[in-house]
Full PDB file with SEQRES, HELIX, SHEET, SSBOND, CRYST1, ORIGX, SCALE, CONECT and MASTER records, all heavy atoms in Angstrom:
SEQRES   1 A   34  VAL ALA ALA GLY ALA ALA VAL ALA CYS ASP ASP GLY PRO          
SEQRES   2 A   34  ASP THR THR ILE ARG GLU VAL LEU GLU ASN ALA THR PHE          
SEQRES   3 A   34  LEU THR LEU ASP GLY GLY GLU ILE                              
HELIX    1 AA1 ALA A    8  ASP A   11  1                                   4    
HELIX    2 AA2 ILE A   17  LEU A   21  1                                   5    
CRYST1    1.000    1.000    1.000  90.00  90.00  90.00 P 1           1          
ORIGX1      1.000000  0.000000  0.000000        0.00000                         
ORIGX2      0.000000  1.000000  0.000000        0.00000                         
ORIGX3      0.000000  0.000000  1.000000        0.00000                         
SCALE1      1.000000  0.000000  0.000000        0.00000                         
SCALE2      0.000000  1.000000  0.000000        0.00000                         
SCALE3      0.000000  0.000000  1.000000        0.00000                         
ATOM      1  N   VAL A   1       5.320  -9.876  -1.043  1.00  0.00           N  
ATOM      2  CA  VAL A   1       5.436  -9.632  -2.489  1.00  0.00           C  
ATOM      3  C   VAL A   1       6.844  -9.099  -2.755  1.00  0.00           C  
ATOM      4  O   VAL A   1       7.815  -9.714  -2.354  1.00  0.00           O  
ATOM      5  CB  VAL A   1       4.321  -8.690  -2.964  1.00  0.00           C  
ATOM      6  CG1 VAL A   1       3.022  -9.454  -3.040  1.00  0.00           C  
ATOM      7  CG2 VAL A   1       4.122  -7.505  -2.039  1.00  0.00           C  
ATOM      8  N   ALA A   2       6.982  -7.979  -3.404  1.00  0.00           N  
ATOM      9  CA  ALA A   2       8.297  -7.408  -3.634  1.00  0.00           C  
ATOM     10  C   ALA A   2       8.980  -7.152  -2.299  1.00  0.00           C  
ATOM     11  O   ALA A   2       8.337  -6.931  -1.289  1.00  0.00           O  
ATOM     12  CB  ALA A   2       8.173  -6.107  -4.413  1.00  0.00           C  
ATOM     13  N   ALA A   3      10.296  -7.222  -2.282  1.00  0.00           N  
ATOM     14  CA  ALA A   3      11.063  -7.097  -1.053  1.00  0.00           C  
ATOM     15  C   ALA A   3      10.658  -5.828  -0.312  1.00  0.00           C  
ATOM     16  O   ALA A   3      10.640  -4.734  -0.870  1.00  0.00           O  
ATOM     17  CB  ALA A   3      12.551  -7.038  -1.384  1.00  0.00           C  
ATOM     18  N   GLY A   4      10.338  -6.027   0.970  1.00  0.00           N  
ATOM     19  CA  GLY A   4       9.982  -4.892   1.822  1.00  0.00           C  
ATOM     20  C   GLY A   4       8.564  -4.416   1.690  1.00  0.00           C  
ATOM     21  O   GLY A   4       8.193  -3.437   2.307  1.00  0.00           O  
ATOM     22  N   ALA A   5       7.732  -5.106   0.907  1.00  0.00           N  
ATOM     23  CA  ALA A   5       6.372  -4.611   0.708  1.00  0.00           C  
ATOM     24  C   ALA A   5       5.576  -4.628   1.989  1.00  0.00           C  
ATOM     25  O   ALA A   5       4.830  -3.719   2.286  1.00  0.00           O  
ATOM     26  CB  ALA A   5       5.656  -5.437  -0.361  1.00  0.00           C  
ATOM     27  N   ALA A   6       5.724  -5.728   2.777  1.00  0.00           N  
ATOM     28  CA  ALA A   6       4.967  -5.802   4.024  1.00  0.00           C  
ATOM     29  C   ALA A   6       5.448  -4.744   5.000  1.00  0.00           C  
ATOM     30  O   ALA A   6       4.667  -4.175   5.735  1.00  0.00           O  
ATOM     31  CB  ALA A   6       5.108  -7.193   4.616  1.00  0.00           C  
ATOM     32  N   VAL A   7       6.769  -4.524   5.027  1.00  0.00           N  
ATOM     33  CA  VAL A   7       7.288  -3.489   5.912  1.00  0.00           C  
ATOM     34  C   VAL A   7       6.732  -2.137   5.515  1.00  0.00           C  
ATOM     35  O   VAL A   7       6.455  -1.277   6.344  1.00  0.00           O  
ATOM     36  CB  VAL A   7       8.839  -3.490   5.850  1.00  0.00           C  
ATOM     37  CG1 VAL A   7       9.391  -2.396   6.738  1.00  0.00           C  
ATOM     38  CG2 VAL A   7       9.374  -4.842   6.248  1.00  0.00           C  
ATOM     39  N   ALA A   8       6.523  -1.951   4.222  1.00  0.00           N  
ATOM     40  CA  ALA A   8       6.038  -0.673   3.746  1.00  0.00           C  
ATOM     41  C   ALA A   8       4.672  -0.329   4.275  1.00  0.00           C  
ATOM     42  O   ALA A   8       4.267   0.824   4.261  1.00  0.00           O  
ATOM     43  CB  ALA A   8       6.024  -0.652   2.210  1.00  0.00           C  
ATOM     44  N   CYS A   9       3.928  -1.349   4.770  1.00  0.00           N  
ATOM     45  CA  CYS A   9       2.613  -1.062   5.351  1.00  0.00           C  
ATOM     46  C   CYS A   9       2.765  -0.131   6.544  1.00  0.00           C  
ATOM     47  O   CYS A   9       1.868   0.633   6.873  1.00  0.00           O  
ATOM     48  CB  CYS A   9       1.941  -2.372   5.797  1.00  0.00           C  
ATOM     49  SG  CYS A   9       1.509  -3.437   4.426  1.00  0.00           S  
ATOM     50  N   ASP A  10       3.934  -0.250   7.241  1.00  0.00           N  
ATOM     51  CA  ASP A  10       4.160   0.608   8.398  1.00  0.00           C  
ATOM     52  C   ASP A  10       5.003   1.821   8.036  1.00  0.00           C  
ATOM     53  O   ASP A  10       4.737   2.937   8.459  1.00  0.00           O  
ATOM     54  CB  ASP A  10       4.854  -0.174   9.507  1.00  0.00           C  
ATOM     55  CG  ASP A  10       3.948  -1.237  10.109  1.00  0.00           C  
ATOM     56  OD1 ASP A  10       2.737  -0.978  10.163  1.00  0.00           O  
ATOM     57  OD2 ASP A  10       4.457  -2.288  10.504  1.00  0.00           O  
ATOM     58  N   ASP A  11       6.071   1.570   7.231  1.00  0.00           N  
ATOM     59  CA  ASP A  11       7.069   2.599   7.019  1.00  0.00           C  
ATOM     60  C   ASP A  11       6.860   3.399   5.755  1.00  0.00           C  
ATOM     61  O   ASP A  11       7.385   4.494   5.604  1.00  0.00           O  
ATOM     62  CB  ASP A  11       8.459   1.966   6.988  1.00  0.00           C  
ATOM     63  CG  ASP A  11       8.778   1.253   8.293  1.00  0.00           C  
ATOM     64  OD1 ASP A  11       8.210   1.665   9.317  1.00  0.00           O  
ATOM     65  OD2 ASP A  11       9.569   0.296   8.272  1.00  0.00           O  
ATOM     66  N   GLY A  12       6.107   2.846   4.800  1.00  0.00           N  
ATOM     67  CA  GLY A  12       5.903   3.560   3.558  1.00  0.00           C  
ATOM     68  C   GLY A  12       4.492   4.111   3.490  1.00  0.00           C  
ATOM     69  O   GLY A  12       3.551   3.357   3.316  1.00  0.00           O  
ATOM     70  N   PRO A  13       4.320   5.395   3.630  1.00  0.00           N  
ATOM     71  CA  PRO A  13       2.975   5.987   3.688  1.00  0.00           C  
ATOM     72  C   PRO A  13       2.194   5.791   2.392  1.00  0.00           C  
ATOM     73  O   PRO A  13       0.987   5.897   2.385  1.00  0.00           O  
ATOM     74  CB  PRO A  13       3.238   7.466   3.972  1.00  0.00           C  
ATOM     75  CG  PRO A  13       4.649   7.699   3.513  1.00  0.00           C  
ATOM     76  CD  PRO A  13       5.377   6.416   3.771  1.00  0.00           C  
ATOM     77  N   ASP A  14       2.885   5.491   1.280  1.00  0.00           N  
ATOM     78  CA  ASP A  14       2.197   5.350   0.005  1.00  0.00           C  
ATOM     79  C   ASP A  14       1.739   3.907  -0.260  1.00  0.00           C  
ATOM     80  O   ASP A  14       1.092   3.646  -1.270  1.00  0.00           O  
ATOM     81  CB  ASP A  14       3.097   5.814  -1.146  1.00  0.00           C  
ATOM     82  CG  ASP A  14       3.420   7.308  -1.049  1.00  0.00           C  
ATOM     83  OD1 ASP A  14       2.559   8.034  -0.489  1.00  0.00           O  
ATOM     84  OD2 ASP A  14       4.504   7.703  -1.476  1.00  0.00           O  
ATOM     85  N   THR A  15       2.105   2.975   0.620  1.00  0.00           N  
ATOM     86  CA  THR A  15       1.732   1.576   0.428  1.00  0.00           C  
ATOM     87  C   THR A  15       0.761   1.159   1.512  1.00  0.00           C  
ATOM     88  O   THR A  15       1.063   1.298   2.702  1.00  0.00           O  
ATOM     89  CB  THR A  15       2.979   0.661   0.471  1.00  0.00           C  
ATOM     90  OG1 THR A  15       3.903   1.103  -0.517  1.00  0.00           O  
ATOM     91  CG2 THR A  15       2.589  -0.776   0.206  1.00  0.00           C  
ATOM     92  N   THR A  16      -0.378   0.646   1.136  1.00  0.00           N  
ATOM     93  CA  THR A  16      -1.398   0.221   2.109  1.00  0.00           C  
ATOM     94  C   THR A  16      -1.448  -1.291   2.160  1.00  0.00           C  
ATOM     95  O   THR A  16      -0.937  -1.992   1.288  1.00  0.00           O  
ATOM     96  CB  THR A  16      -2.769   0.765   1.686  1.00  0.00           C  
ATOM     97  OG1 THR A  16      -3.151   0.134   0.451  1.00  0.00           O  
ATOM     98  CG2 THR A  16      -2.735   2.279   1.513  1.00  0.00           C  
ATOM     99  N   ILE A  17      -2.110  -1.800   3.210  1.00  0.00           N  
ATOM    100  CA  ILE A  17      -2.306  -3.238   3.314  1.00  0.00           C  
ATOM    101  C   ILE A  17      -3.120  -3.738   2.125  1.00  0.00           C  
ATOM    102  O   ILE A  17      -2.865  -4.822   1.607  1.00  0.00           O  
ATOM    103  CB  ILE A  17      -2.975  -3.583   4.648  1.00  0.00           C  
ATOM    104  CG1 ILE A  17      -1.977  -3.447   5.792  1.00  0.00           C  
ATOM    105  CG2 ILE A  17      -3.542  -5.020   4.628  1.00  0.00           C  
ATOM    106  CD1 ILE A  17      -2.496  -3.829   7.151  1.00  0.00           C  
ATOM    107  N   ARG A  18      -4.087  -2.959   1.687  1.00  0.00           N  
ATOM    108  CA  ARG A  18      -4.863  -3.354   0.503  1.00  0.00           C  
ATOM    109  C   ARG A  18      -3.942  -3.608  -0.687  1.00  0.00           C  
ATOM    110  O   ARG A  18      -4.109  -4.599  -1.411  1.00  0.00           O  
ATOM    111  CB  ARG A  18      -5.884  -2.262   0.186  1.00  0.00           C  
ATOM    112  CG  ARG A  18      -6.540  -2.360  -1.199  1.00  0.00           C  
ATOM    113  CD  ARG A  18      -7.641  -3.378  -1.239  1.00  0.00           C  
ATOM    114  NE  ARG A  18      -8.043  -3.696  -2.602  1.00  0.00           N  
ATOM    115  CZ  ARG A  18      -9.232  -4.204  -2.916  1.00  0.00           C  
ATOM    116  NH1 ARG A  18     -10.119  -4.424  -1.964  1.00  0.00           N  
ATOM    117  NH2 ARG A  18      -9.524  -4.487  -4.157  1.00  0.00           N  
ATOM    118  N   GLU A  19      -2.979  -2.722  -0.909  1.00  0.00           N  
ATOM    119  CA  GLU A  19      -2.071  -2.891  -2.047  1.00  0.00           C  
ATOM    120  C   GLU A  19      -1.187  -4.126  -1.883  1.00  0.00           C  
ATOM    121  O   GLU A  19      -0.876  -4.804  -2.866  1.00  0.00           O  
ATOM    122  CB  GLU A  19      -1.221  -1.619  -2.208  1.00  0.00           C  
ATOM    123  CG  GLU A  19      -2.036  -0.423  -2.656  1.00  0.00           C  
ATOM    124  CD  GLU A  19      -1.233   0.867  -2.608  1.00  0.00           C  
ATOM    125  OE1 GLU A  19      -0.428   1.040  -1.667  1.00  0.00           O  
ATOM    126  OE2 GLU A  19      -1.412   1.700  -3.507  1.00  0.00           O  
ATOM    127  N   VAL A  20      -0.791  -4.405  -0.660  1.00  0.00           N  
ATOM    128  CA  VAL A  20      -0.019  -5.619  -0.408  1.00  0.00           C  
ATOM    129  C   VAL A  20      -0.850  -6.853  -0.704  1.00  0.00           C  
ATOM    130  O   VAL A  20      -0.404  -7.794  -1.369  1.00  0.00           O  
ATOM    131  CB  VAL A  20       0.498  -5.655   1.053  1.00  0.00           C  
ATOM    132  CG1 VAL A  20       1.165  -6.994   1.348  1.00  0.00           C  
ATOM    133  CG2 VAL A  20       1.470  -4.512   1.293  1.00  0.00           C  
ATOM    134  N   LEU A  21      -2.100  -6.852  -0.260  1.00  0.00           N  
ATOM    135  CA  LEU A  21      -2.969  -8.013  -0.453  1.00  0.00           C  
ATOM    136  C   LEU A  21      -3.315  -8.219  -1.920  1.00  0.00           C  
ATOM    137  O   LEU A  21      -3.619  -9.340  -2.348  1.00  0.00           O  
ATOM    138  CB  LEU A  21      -4.246  -7.867   0.377  1.00  0.00           C  
ATOM    139  CG  LEU A  21      -4.069  -7.794   1.886  1.00  0.00           C  
ATOM    140  CD1 LEU A  21      -5.416  -7.729   2.571  1.00  0.00           C  
ATOM    141  CD2 LEU A  21      -3.271  -8.973   2.417  1.00  0.00           C  
ATOM    142  N   GLU A  22      -3.293  -7.164  -2.702  1.00  0.00           N  
ATOM    143  CA  GLU A  22      -3.590  -7.303  -4.129  1.00  0.00           C  
ATOM    144  C   GLU A  22      -2.501  -8.087  -4.861  1.00  0.00           C  
ATOM    145  O   GLU A  22      -2.723  -8.531  -5.993  1.00  0.00           O  
ATOM    146  CB  GLU A  22      -3.734  -5.910  -4.767  1.00  0.00           C  
ATOM    147  CG  GLU A  22      -5.038  -5.215  -4.395  1.00  0.00           C  
ATOM    148  CD  GLU A  22      -5.142  -3.833  -5.000  1.00  0.00           C  
ATOM    149  OE1 GLU A  22      -4.084  -3.326  -5.482  1.00  0.00           O  
ATOM    150  OE2 GLU A  22      -6.241  -3.254  -5.012  1.00  0.00           O  
ATOM    151  N   ASN A  23      -1.337  -8.270  -4.236  1.00  0.00           N  
ATOM    152  CA  ASN A  23      -0.235  -8.990  -4.871  1.00  0.00           C  
ATOM    153  C   ASN A  23       0.263 -10.078  -3.916  1.00  0.00           C  
ATOM    154  O   ASN A  23       1.463 -10.234  -3.705  1.00  0.00           O  
ATOM    155  CB  ASN A  23       0.885  -8.025  -5.234  1.00  0.00           C  
ATOM    156  CG  ASN A  23       0.435  -6.978  -6.229  1.00  0.00           C  
ATOM    157  OD1 ASN A  23       0.400  -7.237  -7.421  1.00  0.00           O  
ATOM    158  ND2 ASN A  23       0.070  -5.791  -5.722  1.00  0.00           N  
ATOM    159  N   ALA A  24      -0.669 -10.819  -3.334  1.00  0.00           N  
ATOM    160  CA  ALA A  24      -0.348 -11.768  -2.269  1.00  0.00           C  
ATOM    161  C   ALA A  24      -0.785 -13.168  -2.647  1.00  0.00           C  
ATOM    162  O   ALA A  24      -1.473 -13.401  -3.631  1.00  0.00           O  
ATOM    163  CB  ALA A  24      -1.039 -11.321  -0.971  1.00  0.00           C  
ATOM    164  N   THR A  25      -0.352 -14.134  -1.832  1.00  0.00           N  
ATOM    165  CA  THR A  25      -0.749 -15.528  -1.994  1.00  0.00           C  
ATOM    166  C   THR A  25      -1.724 -15.902  -0.896  1.00  0.00           C  
ATOM    167  O   THR A  25      -1.434 -15.719   0.288  1.00  0.00           O  
ATOM    168  CB  THR A  25       0.490 -16.429  -1.923  1.00  0.00           C  
ATOM    169  OG1 THR A  25       1.380 -16.091  -2.982  1.00  0.00           O  
ATOM    170  CG2 THR A  25       0.092 -17.899  -2.065  1.00  0.00           C  
ATOM    171  N   PHE A  26      -2.884 -16.428  -1.274  1.00  0.00           N  
ATOM    172  CA  PHE A  26      -3.935 -16.779  -0.344  1.00  0.00           C  
ATOM    173  C   PHE A  26      -4.186 -18.286  -0.364  1.00  0.00           C  
ATOM    174  O   PHE A  26      -3.953 -18.962  -1.367  1.00  0.00           O  
ATOM    175  CB  PHE A  26      -5.247 -16.055  -0.693  1.00  0.00           C  
ATOM    176  CG  PHE A  26      -5.216 -14.577  -0.448  1.00  0.00           C  
ATOM    177  CD1 PHE A  26      -4.829 -13.695  -1.457  1.00  0.00           C  
ATOM    178  CD2 PHE A  26      -5.577 -14.050   0.786  1.00  0.00           C  
ATOM    179  CE1 PHE A  26      -4.809 -12.334  -1.253  1.00  0.00           C  
ATOM    180  CE2 PHE A  26      -5.556 -12.677   1.007  1.00  0.00           C  
ATOM    181  CZ  PHE A  26      -5.170 -11.826  -0.019  1.00  0.00           C  
ATOM    182  N   LEU A  27      -4.717 -18.770   0.762  1.00  0.00           N  
ATOM    183  CA  LEU A  27      -5.160 -20.156   0.831  1.00  0.00           C  
ATOM    184  C   LEU A  27      -6.439 -20.345   0.017  1.00  0.00           C  
ATOM    185  O   LEU A  27      -7.250 -19.421  -0.104  1.00  0.00           O  
ATOM    186  CB  LEU A  27      -5.443 -20.537   2.280  1.00  0.00           C  
ATOM    187  CG  LEU A  27      -4.294 -20.402   3.294  1.00  0.00           C  
ATOM    188  CD1 LEU A  27      -4.799 -20.663   4.711  1.00  0.00           C  
ATOM    189  CD2 LEU A  27      -3.159 -21.338   2.945  1.00  0.00           C  
ATOM    190  N   THR A  28      -6.616 -21.535  -0.510  1.00  0.00           N  
ATOM    191  CA  THR A  28      -7.882 -21.892  -1.152  1.00  0.00           C  
ATOM    192  C   THR A  28      -8.535 -23.007  -0.359  1.00  0.00           C  
ATOM    193  O   THR A  28      -7.890 -23.696   0.432  1.00  0.00           O  
ATOM    194  CB  THR A  28      -7.673 -22.354  -2.615  1.00  0.00           C  
ATOM    195  OG1 THR A  28      -6.764 -23.472  -2.628  1.00  0.00           O  
ATOM    196  CG2 THR A  28      -7.083 -21.232  -3.450  1.00  0.00           C  
ATOM    197  N   LEU A  29      -9.833 -23.192  -0.543  1.00  0.00           N  
ATOM    198  CA  LEU A  29     -10.594 -24.133   0.277  1.00  0.00           C  
ATOM    199  C   LEU A  29     -10.247 -25.583   0.003  1.00  0.00           C  
ATOM    200  O   LEU A  29     -10.603 -26.463   0.790  1.00  0.00           O  
ATOM    201  CB  LEU A  29     -12.097 -23.901   0.087  1.00  0.00           C  
ATOM    202  CG  LEU A  29     -12.630 -22.554   0.574  1.00  0.00           C  
ATOM    203  CD1 LEU A  29     -14.121 -22.481   0.347  1.00  0.00           C  
ATOM    204  CD2 LEU A  29     -12.295 -22.324   2.043  1.00  0.00           C  
ATOM    205  N   ASP A  30      -9.579 -25.861  -1.096  1.00  0.00           N  
ATOM    206  CA  ASP A  30      -9.194 -27.240  -1.369  1.00  0.00           C  
ATOM    207  C   ASP A  30      -7.782 -27.542  -0.896  1.00  0.00           C  
ATOM    208  O   ASP A  30      -7.215 -28.582  -1.231  1.00  0.00           O  
ATOM    209  CB  ASP A  30      -9.323 -27.550  -2.866  1.00  0.00           C  
ATOM    210  CG  ASP A  30      -8.436 -26.658  -3.714  1.00  0.00           C  
ATOM    211  OD1 ASP A  30      -7.748 -25.789  -3.161  1.00  0.00           O  
ATOM    212  OD2 ASP A  30      -8.451 -26.838  -4.952  1.00  0.00           O  
ATOM    213  N   GLY A  31      -7.199 -26.661  -0.083  1.00  0.00           N  
ATOM    214  CA  GLY A  31      -5.876 -26.887   0.458  1.00  0.00           C  
ATOM    215  C   GLY A  31      -4.746 -26.336  -0.356  1.00  0.00           C  
ATOM    216  O   GLY A  31      -3.581 -26.511  -0.002  1.00  0.00           O  
ATOM    217  N   GLY A  32      -5.035 -25.662  -1.469  1.00  0.00           N  
ATOM    218  CA  GLY A  32      -3.991 -25.086  -2.280  1.00  0.00           C  
ATOM    219  C   GLY A  32      -3.766 -23.617  -1.992  1.00  0.00           C  
ATOM    220  O   GLY A  32      -4.121 -23.118  -0.918  1.00  0.00           O  
ATOM    221  N   GLU A  33      -3.191 -22.925  -2.973  1.00  0.00           N  
ATOM    222  CA  GLU A  33      -2.918 -21.506  -2.850  1.00  0.00           C  
ATOM    223  C   GLU A  33      -3.199 -20.821  -4.176  1.00  0.00           C  
ATOM    224  O   GLU A  33      -3.151 -21.451  -5.232  1.00  0.00           O  
ATOM    225  CB  GLU A  33      -1.452 -21.263  -2.437  1.00  0.00           C  
ATOM    226  CG  GLU A  33      -1.087 -21.823  -1.069  1.00  0.00           C  
ATOM    227  CD  GLU A  33       0.390 -21.629  -0.758  1.00  0.00           C  
ATOM    228  OE1 GLU A  33       1.121 -21.180  -1.673  1.00  0.00           O  
ATOM    229  OE2 GLU A  33       0.796 -21.901   0.381  1.00  0.00           O  
ATOM    230  N   ILE A  34      -3.475 -19.524  -4.121  1.00  0.00           N  
ATOM    231  CA  ILE A  34      -3.628 -18.713  -5.324  1.00  0.00           C  
ATOM    232  C   ILE A  34      -2.850 -17.423  -5.132  1.00  0.00           C  
ATOM    233  O   ILE A  34      -2.988 -16.757  -4.076  1.00  0.00           O  
ATOM    234  CB  ILE A  34      -5.127 -18.412  -5.650  1.00  0.00           C  
ATOM    235  CG1 ILE A  34      -5.232 -17.548  -6.906  1.00  0.00           C  
ATOM    236  CG2 ILE A  34      -5.815 -17.776  -4.456  1.00  0.00           C  
ATOM    237  CD1 ILE A  34      -4.747 -18.213  -8.156  1.00  0.00           C  
TER     238      ILE A  34                                                      
MASTER        0    0    0    2    0    0    0    6  237    1    0    3          
END                                                                             
């Protein structure tokens, strides 16, 4: 998501993986993305 968001999962105590996933791109079952 925003620059460094994934890194913040380790280095930023205020950012969790849940918060990263809330602003992420996921696969869909028809081969697309959301």
